[in-house]
């Protein structure tokens, strides 16, 4: 039904508001997906580190060879932690011996003990500094004093111009300072009296700093000695922990399927490593899915809705111009279908929020063998929902393989999963829908 220009303005104003509301929904979901990605990323790091501890339970040639055989990681062969540890031990022992030969270390108690000579020297210098510091503070605490000294006010080197406001402000400050100190003239009385105190104050300040530096050097030497001495017996554990982190960094981006095959072929291994690898692969899949949602799916939808809202805003302005005030606007120039789209977007918002929660809550990693294609984690994590524009990379993959389903080791769960997939294909509306924009 045709509308007046004012009616069209109201129509597009309402649509603009609804489009911005919907953009806000999906921007909020985008933030949820980003937060879920960050949590999954942290879990990937923790699981990779835990798995690294299983692959490398100790730091020995045999353990390093086993870890390389099971993971394919050759970094320990090129950069041996055992060689690095042995070298550091030599360096630490050499440094400890050198410190022990230093006269400052040998005389540390005499120098920096409770009544050490350097400690006494610091206290004596502070006592000499104290009266000059107090006298300087009498001047420096007055408002504007240090600024006048820096400007060389009331001396031949003062370059203030009488026609500037700053000149007269400084003059007033100088007079106020003279009055506060009970002196007659800033240049003739105040500055000479200040310099009598400031020169020895600065000298004793430097003396205190120099003597405190000598005390600090002795303390630093002792602390370095004690740290080195304490580190030596902990080197095996420290290097083992660092090796775990190096191996974990490799595992977090490894070919999980290949590593599972190697683990299952090992005659002395139980399924612990395989389960750990499946957990790591599942967490990595979560990280990838949430990243895809946030960066591509939800980000794209939010931008599309914002653009739609801007388009409605431009049309609202167009029909609000005086020159079209009497015009009748036909239905074809309106967007009569967005109200229903807005409702469907609301339903999609709820489903997406539930999907994010479902994926994040999943913890049955052990039933997903890693000879499955990594993309099949989508089916497992989502509960069988078809991949749509929410995750475009997965959507494209499943478009080329519409019947692809993961092989699961839990047969009962596999049947349940197949039923869930079939049900999802004919329900709930996520299948086949692109974004409603």
Protein backbone atom coordinates (compact mmCIF):
# COMPACT_ATOMS: atom_id res chain seq x y z
CA UNK A 1 0.00 0.00 0.00
CA UNK A 2 1.54 3.35 -1.06
CA UNK A 3 2.59 5.73 1.69
CA UNK A 4 3.17 9.42 2.07
CA UNK A 5 6.73 10.70 2.24
CA UNK A 6 6.30 11.12 6.02
CA UNK A 7 5.10 7.54 6.24
CA UNK A 8 8.20 6.41 4.30
CA UNK A 9 10.38 8.37 6.72
CA UNK A 10 8.82 6.55 9.65
CA UNK A 11 9.12 3.21 7.82
CA UNK A 12 12.85 3.58 7.15
CA UNK A 13 13.49 5.01 10.61
CA UNK A 14 12.00 1.85 12.15
CA UNK A 15 13.99 -0.37 9.79
CA UNK A 16 17.21 1.51 10.57
CA UNK A 17 16.62 0.99 14.27
CA UNK A 18 15.90 -2.72 13.83
CA UNK A 19 18.94 -3.23 11.58
CA UNK A 20 21.21 -1.55 14.12
CA UNK A 21 19.64 -3.64 16.87
CA UNK A 22 20.37 -6.82 14.90
CA UNK A 23 23.93 -5.64 14.16
CA UNK A 24 24.37 -5.20 17.91
CA UNK A 25 23.18 -8.76 18.53
CA UNK A 26 25.80 -10.24 16.23
CA UNK A 27 28.53 -7.88 17.32
CA UNK A 28 27.88 -9.19 20.84
CA UNK A 29 28.11 -12.77 19.56
CA UNK A 30 31.33 -11.85 17.76
CA UNK A 31 32.79 -10.74 21.09
CA UNK A 32 31.61 -14.01 22.67
CA UNK A 33 33.32 -15.96 19.89
CA UNK A 34 36.53 -13.98 20.36
CA UNK A 35 36.48 -14.66 24.09
CA UNK A 36 35.82 -18.37 23.45
CA UNK A 37 38.71 -18.42 20.98
CA UNK A 38 41.03 -16.91 23.61
CA UNK A 39 39.98 -19.53 26.14
CA UNK A 40 40.46 -22.33 23.62
CA UNK A 41 43.86 -20.92 22.71
CA UNK A 42 44.91 -21.01 26.35
CA UNK A 43 43.62 -24.58 26.65
CA UNK A 44 45.60 -25.57 23.54
CA UNK A 45 48.77 -24.24 25.16
CA UNK A 46 48.08 -26.03 28.45
CA UNK A 47 47.21 -29.32 26.76
CA UNK A 48 50.25 -29.16 24.46
CA UNK A 49 52.45 -28.60 27.52
CA UNK A 50 50.84 -31.51 29.36
CA UNK A 51 51.36 -33.74 26.33
CA UNK A 52 54.98 -32.60 26.05
CA UNK A 53 55.53 -33.80 29.62
CA UNK A 54 54.23 -37.24 28.61
CA UNK A 55 56.44 -37.39 25.52
CA UNK A 56 59.49 -36.20 27.48
CA UNK A 57 59.28 -37.35 31.11
CA UNK A 58 62.96 -36.69 31.82
CA UNK A 59 65.99 -35.07 30.28
CA UNK A 60 68.21 -37.91 29.10
CA UNK A 61 69.57 -39.06 25.71
CA UNK A 62 67.11 -41.96 25.73
CA UNK A 63 64.11 -39.75 26.54
CA UNK A 64 65.09 -37.18 23.90
CA UNK A 65 65.45 -39.92 21.27
CA UNK A 66 62.02 -41.32 22.20
CA UNK A 67 60.40 -37.89 21.97
CA UNK A 68 61.93 -37.35 18.54
CA UNK A 69 60.77 -40.78 17.37
CA UNK A 70 57.19 -40.22 18.55
CA UNK A 71 56.81 -36.58 17.44
CA UNK A 72 59.25 -36.11 14.56
CA UNK A 73 60.61 -33.02 16.32
CA UNK A 74 64.34 -32.72 15.56
CA UNK A 75 64.98 -29.47 17.38
CA UNK A 76 66.61 -31.17 20.35
CA UNK A 77 69.09 -32.82 18.03
CA UNK A 78 70.11 -29.49 16.50
CA UNK A 79 70.00 -27.57 19.80
CA UNK A 80 70.67 -30.10 22.53
CA UNK A 81 69.29 -29.09 25.94
CA UNK A 82 71.78 -31.50 27.55
CA UNK A 83 74.73 -29.73 25.92
CA UNK A 84 73.28 -26.31 26.78
CA UNK A 85 72.73 -27.37 30.38
CA UNK A 86 76.29 -28.67 30.73
CA UNK A 87 77.64 -25.44 29.25
CA UNK A 88 75.58 -23.27 31.59
CA UNK A 89 76.80 -25.24 34.59
CA UNK A 90 80.40 -24.56 33.56
CA UNK A 91 79.62 -20.85 33.08
CA UNK A 92 77.90 -20.58 36.46
CA UNK A 93 80.72 -22.32 38.31
CA UNK A 94 83.27 -20.12 36.59
CA UNK A 95 81.32 -17.00 37.53
CA UNK A 96 80.94 -18.15 41.15
CA UNK A 97 84.68 -18.66 41.42
CA UNK A 98 85.38 -15.25 39.90
CA UNK A 99 83.02 -13.55 42.37
CA UNK A 100 84.68 -15.36 45.26
CA UNK A 101 88.02 -13.93 44.18
CA UNK A 102 86.64 -10.37 44.13
CA UNK A 103 87.93 -8.39 47.17
CA UNK A 104 84.52 -6.76 47.59
CA UNK A 105 82.91 -10.19 48.02
CA UNK A 106 85.63 -11.40 50.36
CA UNK A 107 85.29 -8.26 52.50
CA UNK A 108 81.49 -8.01 52.17
CA UNK A 109 80.83 -8.13 55.91
CA UNK A 110 83.42 -5.45 56.63
CA UNK A 111 82.10 -3.28 53.79
CA UNK A 112 78.31 -3.62 53.93
CA UNK A 113 77.58 -5.38 57.21
CA UNK A 114 75.48 -3.64 59.83
CA UNK A 115 78.43 -1.45 60.81
CA UNK A 116 80.40 -1.87 57.57
CA UNK A 117 82.72 0.88 56.40
CA UNK A 118 80.68 1.67 53.29
CA UNK A 119 77.46 1.74 55.29
CA UNK A 120 79.03 4.15 57.77
CA UNK A 121 80.33 6.31 54.92
CA UNK A 122 76.79 6.58 53.52
CA UNK A 123 75.41 7.61 56.91
CA UNK A 124 78.17 10.19 57.43
CA UNK A 125 77.53 11.69 53.98
CA UNK A 126 73.80 11.87 54.73
CA UNK A 127 74.51 13.67 57.98
CA UNK A 128 76.66 16.20 56.12
CA UNK A 129 73.93 16.63 53.52
CA UNK A 130 71.06 17.14 55.96
CA UNK A 131 71.60 20.79 57.06
CA UNK A 132 72.31 22.00 53.53
CA UNK A 133 69.27 20.14 52.24
CA UNK A 134 67.10 21.76 54.93
CA UNK A 135 68.45 25.21 54.08
CA UNK A 136 67.83 24.69 50.34
CA UNK A 137 64.33 23.45 51.08
CA UNK A 138 63.62 26.77 52.81
CA UNK A 139 64.04 28.44 49.42
CA UNK A 140 62.86 25.72 47.03
CA UNK A 141 59.57 25.17 48.81
CA UNK A 142 58.43 28.69 47.94
CA UNK A 143 56.07 28.89 44.96
CA UNK A 144 57.85 29.77 41.72
CA UNK A 145 61.36 29.86 43.26
CA UNK A 146 62.97 27.17 41.13
CA UNK A 147 61.36 28.59 37.99
CA UNK A 148 62.89 32.02 38.75
CA UNK A 149 66.30 30.45 39.34
CA UNK A 150 66.08 28.56 36.05
CA UNK A 151 65.07 31.77 34.22
CA UNK A 152 68.04 33.56 35.91
CA UNK A 153 65.62 36.20 37.15
CA UNK A 154 67.12 39.44 38.49
CA UNK A 155 70.56 38.67 37.05
CA UNK A 156 72.30 40.06 33.93
CA UNK A 157 71.45 36.79 32.16
CA UNK A 158 67.68 37.29 32.58
CA UNK A 159 66.06 37.87 29.17
CA UNK A 160 62.45 38.53 30.15
CA UNK A 161 60.71 41.29 28.16
CA UNK A 162 58.90 43.97 30.07
CA UNK A 163 55.98 44.00 27.61
CA UNK A 164 55.06 40.38 28.34
CA UNK A 165 52.74 39.14 31.06
CA UNK A 166 55.33 36.56 32.11
CA UNK A 167 57.80 39.33 33.01
CA UNK A 168 55.41 40.96 35.47
CA UNK A 169 54.33 37.60 36.88
CA UNK A 170 57.98 36.76 37.62
CA UNK A 171 58.51 40.17 39.20
CA UNK A 172 55.52 39.57 41.50
CA UNK A 173 56.80 36.10 42.42
CA UNK A 174 60.24 37.50 43.20
CA UNK A 175 58.79 40.17 45.48
CA UNK A 176 56.64 37.56 47.25
CA UNK A 177 59.66 35.32 47.82
CA UNK A 178 61.70 38.20 49.24
CA UNK A 179 58.88 39.03 51.62
CA UNK A 180 58.52 35.39 52.72
CA UNK A 181 62.27 35.14 53.43
CA UNK A 182 62.53 38.58 55.08
CA UNK A 183 65.01 39.77 52.46
CA UNK A 184 65.08 42.96 50.42
CA UNK A 185 66.15 41.95 46.90
CA UNK A 186 65.98 38.70 44.93
CA UNK A 187 69.22 39.16 42.97
CA UNK A 188 71.32 40.76 45.70
CA UNK A 189 70.06 38.92 48.78
CA UNK A 190 68.04 35.78 47.95
CA UNK A 191 70.23 34.24 45.25
CA UNK A 192 73.55 34.63 47.13
CA UNK A 193 72.04 33.13 50.28
CA UNK A 194 70.63 30.21 48.27
CA UNK A 195 73.94 29.55 46.51
CA UNK A 196 75.72 29.34 49.85
CA UNK A 197 73.59 26.29 50.62
CA UNK A 198 72.99 24.80 47.17
CA UNK A 199 76.61 24.22 46.22
CA UNK A 200 77.50 22.06 49.27
CA UNK A 201 74.05 20.45 49.11
CA UNK A 202 74.73 19.29 45.55
CA UNK A 203 78.21 18.11 46.51
CA UNK A 204 76.96 15.97 49.37
CA UNK A 205 74.05 14.69 47.31
CA UNK A 206 76.55 13.37 44.76
CA UNK A 207 78.67 11.93 47.57
CA UNK A 208 75.70 10.07 49.05
CA UNK A 209 74.75 8.69 45.60
CA UNK A 210 78.33 7.55 44.91
CA UNK A 211 78.67 5.76 48.26
CA UNK A 212 75.22 4.16 47.96
CA UNK A 213 76.26 2.91 44.51
CA UNK A 214 79.29 1.17 46.04
CA UNK A 215 77.08 -0.46 48.67
CA UNK A 216 74.62 -1.59 45.99
CA UNK A 217 77.46 -3.08 43.90
CA UNK A 218 78.57 -5.28 46.81
CA UNK A 219 75.00 -6.41 47.50
CA UNK A 220 74.47 -7.16 43.79
CA UNK A 221 77.67 -9.22 43.73
CA UNK A 222 76.54 -11.28 46.72
CA UNK A 223 73.05 -11.77 45.24
CA UNK A 224 74.52 -12.87 41.90
CA UNK A 225 76.73 -15.38 43.67
CA UNK A 226 73.83 -16.81 45.65
CA UNK A 227 71.53 -17.02 42.61
CA UNK A 228 74.17 -18.83 40.57
CA UNK A 229 74.90 -21.22 43.42
CA UNK A 230 71.19 -21.97 43.88
CA UNK A 231 70.56 -22.43 40.15
CA UNK A 232 73.10 -25.18 39.58
CA UNK A 233 71.22 -28.02 41.35
CA UNK A 234 67.98 -26.89 39.67
CA UNK A 235 69.39 -26.91 36.14
CA UNK A 236 67.98 -30.37 35.21
CA UNK A 237 64.43 -29.38 36.20
CA UNK A 238 64.71 -25.89 34.64
CA UNK A 239 65.99 -27.24 31.33
CA UNK A 240 63.38 -30.00 31.36
CA UNK A 241 60.62 -27.40 31.80
CA UNK A 242 62.06 -25.27 29.01
CA UNK A 243 62.29 -28.35 26.78
CA UNK A 244 58.64 -29.11 27.53
CA UNK A 245 57.68 -25.60 26.36
CA UNK A 246 59.76 -25.92 23.19
CA UNK A 247 58.14 -29.27 22.42
CA UNK A 248 54.68 -27.92 23.30
CA UNK A 249 55.09 -25.10 20.78
CA UNK A 250 55.81 -27.70 18.12
CA UNK A 251 52.95 -29.97 19.16
CA UNK A 252 50.34 -27.19 19.06
CA UNK A 253 50.76 -26.87 15.27
CA UNK A 254 51.73 -30.46 14.43
CA UNK A 255 49.97 -33.00 12.22
CA UNK A 256 47.89 -34.64 14.94
CA UNK A 257 46.80 -37.55 12.77
CA UNK A 258 50.37 -38.48 11.93
CA UNK A 259 51.42 -38.27 15.57
CA UNK A 260 48.52 -40.51 16.59
CA UNK A 261 49.55 -43.14 14.04
CA UNK A 262 53.11 -43.08 15.35
CA UNK A 263 51.93 -43.35 18.96
CA UNK A 264 49.62 -46.31 18.26
CA UNK A 265 52.42 -48.15 16.44
CA UNK A 266 54.72 -47.89 19.43
CA UNK A 267 54.59 -51.31 21.13
CA UNK A 268 55.33 -49.99 24.61
CA UNK A 269 52.84 -47.13 24.52
CA UNK A 270 49.33 -47.22 25.94
CA UNK A 271 46.53 -45.03 24.63
CA UNK A 272 47.44 -42.11 26.90
CA UNK A 273 49.32 -40.23 24.20
CA UNK A 274 46.59 -40.88 21.63
CA UNK A 275 43.92 -39.51 23.99
CA UNK A 276 46.12 -36.51 24.74
CA UNK A 277 46.56 -35.88 21.02
CA UNK A 278 42.81 -36.13 20.41
CA UNK A 279 42.17 -33.64 23.19
CA UNK A 280 44.76 -31.27 21.72
CA UNK A 281 43.30 -31.65 18.23
CA UNK A 282 39.77 -30.99 19.49
CA UNK A 283 40.84 -27.88 21.38
CA UNK A 284 42.70 -26.66 18.31
CA UNK A 285 39.55 -27.24 16.25
CA UNK A 286 37.58 -25.14 18.75
CA UNK A 287 40.14 -22.36 18.45
CA UNK A 288 39.92 -22.48 14.64
CA UNK A 289 36.11 -22.56 14.60
CA UNK A 290 35.75 -19.64 16.99
CA UNK A 291 38.34 -17.71 15.00
CA UNK A 292 36.40 -18.36 11.80
CA UNK A 293 33.15 -17.29 13.44
CA UNK A 294 34.56 -14.06 14.85
CA UNK A 295 36.66 -12.94 11.91
CA UNK A 296 34.61 -14.14 8.95
CA UNK A 297 31.08 -15.24 9.80
CA UNK A 298 29.86 -12.96 12.57
CA UNK A 299 32.10 -10.09 11.52
CA UNK A 300 30.73 -10.20 7.98
CA UNK A 301 27.13 -10.38 9.18
CA UNK A 302 27.62 -7.47 11.57
CA UNK A 303 29.13 -5.35 8.79
CA UNK A 304 26.30 -6.27 6.41
CA UNK A 305 23.67 -5.24 8.94
CA UNK A 306 25.48 -1.99 9.69
CA UNK A 307 25.58 -1.24 5.97
CA UNK A 308 21.87 -2.04 5.72
CA UNK A 309 21.13 0.31 8.62
CA UNK A 310 23.13 3.07 6.90
CA UNK A 311 21.21 2.48 3.68
CA UNK A 312 17.92 2.81 5.55
CA UNK A 313 19.25 5.99 7.16
CA UNK A 314 20.02 7.49 3.76
CA UNK A 315 16.53 6.66 2.53
CA UNK A 316 15.03 8.16 5.67
CA UNK A 317 16.88 11.39 4.92
CA UNK A 318 15.88 11.26 1.25
CA UNK A 319 12.14 11.06 1.95
CA UNK A 320 12.44 13.68 4.68
CA UNK A 321 13.54 16.41 2.28
CA UNK A 322 11.05 19.23 1.68
CA UNK A 323 11.08 18.76 -2.09
CA UNK A 324 9.54 15.27 -1.80
CA UNK A 325 7.21 16.04 1.09
CA UNK A 326 4.08 15.72 -1.10
CA UNK A 327 5.21 12.61 -2.91
CA UNK A 328 3.42 9.25 -2.69
CA UNK A 329 5.92 6.41 -2.15
CA UNK A 330 4.98 3.07 -3.79
CA UNK A 331 5.59 -0.28 -2.07
CA UNK A 332 8.41 -1.17 -4.45
CA UNK A 333 10.54 1.62 -2.94
CA UNK A 334 10.04 0.29 0.58
CA UNK A 335 11.45 -2.82 2.27
CA UNK A 336 8.35 -4.60 3.48
CA UNK A 337 10.13 -7.92 4.10
CA UNK A 338 12.72 -6.82 6.65
CA UNK A 339 10.37 -7.19 9.60
CA UNK A 340 10.25 -10.96 9.01
CA UNK A 341 14.00 -11.01 8.40
CA UNK A 342 14.48 -9.23 11.71
CA UNK A 343 12.51 -11.98 13.48
CA UNK A 344 14.54 -14.69 11.76
CA UNK A 345 17.74 -12.89 12.71
CA UNK A 346 16.57 -13.00 16.32
CA UNK A 347 16.09 -16.75 16.05
CA UNK A 348 19.50 -17.09 14.39
CA UNK A 349 21.04 -15.09 17.22
CA UNK A 350 19.65 -17.49 19.81
CA UNK A 351 20.79 -20.56 17.87
CA UNK A 352 24.27 -19.12 17.38
CA UNK A 353 24.63 -18.31 21.07
CA UNK A 354 23.58 -21.88 21.94
CA UNK A 355 26.02 -23.24 19.34
CA UNK A 356 28.94 -21.29 20.80
CA UNK A 357 28.09 -22.65 24.25
CA UNK A 358 27.74 -26.19 22.94
CA UNK A 359 31.07 -26.16 21.14
CA UNK A 360 32.88 -24.70 24.12
CA UNK A 361 31.33 -27.24 26.51
CA UNK A 362 32.28 -30.30 24.39
CA UNK A 363 34.75 -32.64 26.13
CA UNK A 364 34.43 -36.11 24.52
CA UNK A 365 37.66 -35.79 22.56
CA UNK A 366 38.71 -39.39 23.11
CA UNK A 367 36.07 -40.77 20.74
CA UNK A 368 37.34 -38.85 17.69
CA UNK A 369 40.17 -40.78 15.93
CA UNK A 370 42.60 -38.45 14.22
CA UNK A 371 42.53 -40.29 10.90
CA UNK A 372 39.33 -38.26 10.37
CA UNK A 373 39.74 -35.09 8.33
CA UNK A 374 40.23 -32.16 10.73
CA UNK A 375 37.20 -30.40 9.22
CA UNK A 376 34.99 -33.20 10.56
CA UNK A 377 35.52 -31.79 14.04
CA UNK A 378 32.78 -29.34 13.03
CA UNK A 379 30.21 -32.16 12.92
CA UNK A 380 31.37 -33.54 16.25
CA UNK A 381 31.66 -30.23 18.10
CA UNK A 382 28.44 -28.72 16.75
CA UNK A 383 26.33 -31.80 17.41
CA UNK A 384 25.81 -32.52 13.72
CA UNK A 385 24.70 -29.08 12.56
CA UNK A 386 25.40 -28.34 8.91
CA UNK A 387 28.14 -25.78 8.36
CA UNK A 388 26.68 -22.50 7.10
CA UNK A 389 27.85 -18.96 6.47
CA UNK A 390 28.72 -18.71 10.15
CA UNK A 391 31.88 -20.70 9.30
CA UNK A 392 32.42 -20.14 5.57
CA UNK A 393 35.60 -22.22 5.30
CA UNK A 394 33.85 -25.25 6.76
CA UNK A 395 30.76 -24.54 4.66
CA UNK A 396 32.83 -24.67 1.46
CA UNK A 397 34.49 -27.90 2.58
CA UNK A 398 31.17 -29.66 3.26
CA UNK A 399 29.65 -28.37 0.01
CA UNK A 400 32.26 -30.49 -1.79
CA UNK A 401 31.66 -33.43 0.59
CA UNK A 402 27.96 -33.27 1.55
CA UNK A 403 27.90 -36.78 3.07
CA UNK A 404 31.13 -36.58 5.05
CA UNK A 405 30.76 -37.74 8.66
CA UNK A 406 33.43 -38.59 11.22
CA UNK A 407 34.24 -42.14 12.23
CA UNK A 408 33.83 -42.42 15.99
CA UNK A 409 35.20 -45.13 18.25
CA UNK A 410 32.21 -45.07 20.61
CA UNK A 411 29.74 -47.01 18.49
CA UNK A 412 26.70 -46.14 20.56
CA UNK A 413 27.65 -42.48 20.44
CA UNK A 414 28.24 -42.78 16.70
CA UNK A 415 24.67 -43.97 16.17
CA UNK A 416 23.37 -41.17 18.33
CA UNK A 417 25.47 -38.70 16.41
CA UNK A 418 24.17 -39.90 13.05
CA UNK A 419 20.62 -39.50 14.36
CA UNK A 420 21.43 -35.99 15.55
CA UNK A 421 22.87 -35.11 12.13
CA UNK A 422 19.77 -36.34 10.35
CA UNK A 423 17.50 -34.47 12.72
CA UNK A 424 19.51 -31.29 12.35
CA UNK A 425 19.20 -31.41 8.57
CA UNK A 426 15.44 -31.11 8.75
CA UNK A 427 15.03 -28.83 11.75
CA UNK A 428 16.05 -25.62 13.48
CA UNK A 429 16.81 -23.65 10.33
CA UNK A 430 20.60 -23.32 10.42
CA UNK A 431 20.97 -25.68 7.48
CA UNK A 432 21.05 -24.11 4.07
CA UNK A 433 20.33 -20.60 5.35
CA UNK A 434 22.85 -18.02 4.49
CA UNK A 435 22.91 -14.89 6.55
CA UNK A 436 19.60 -13.08 6.57
CA UNK A 437 20.64 -9.72 5.26
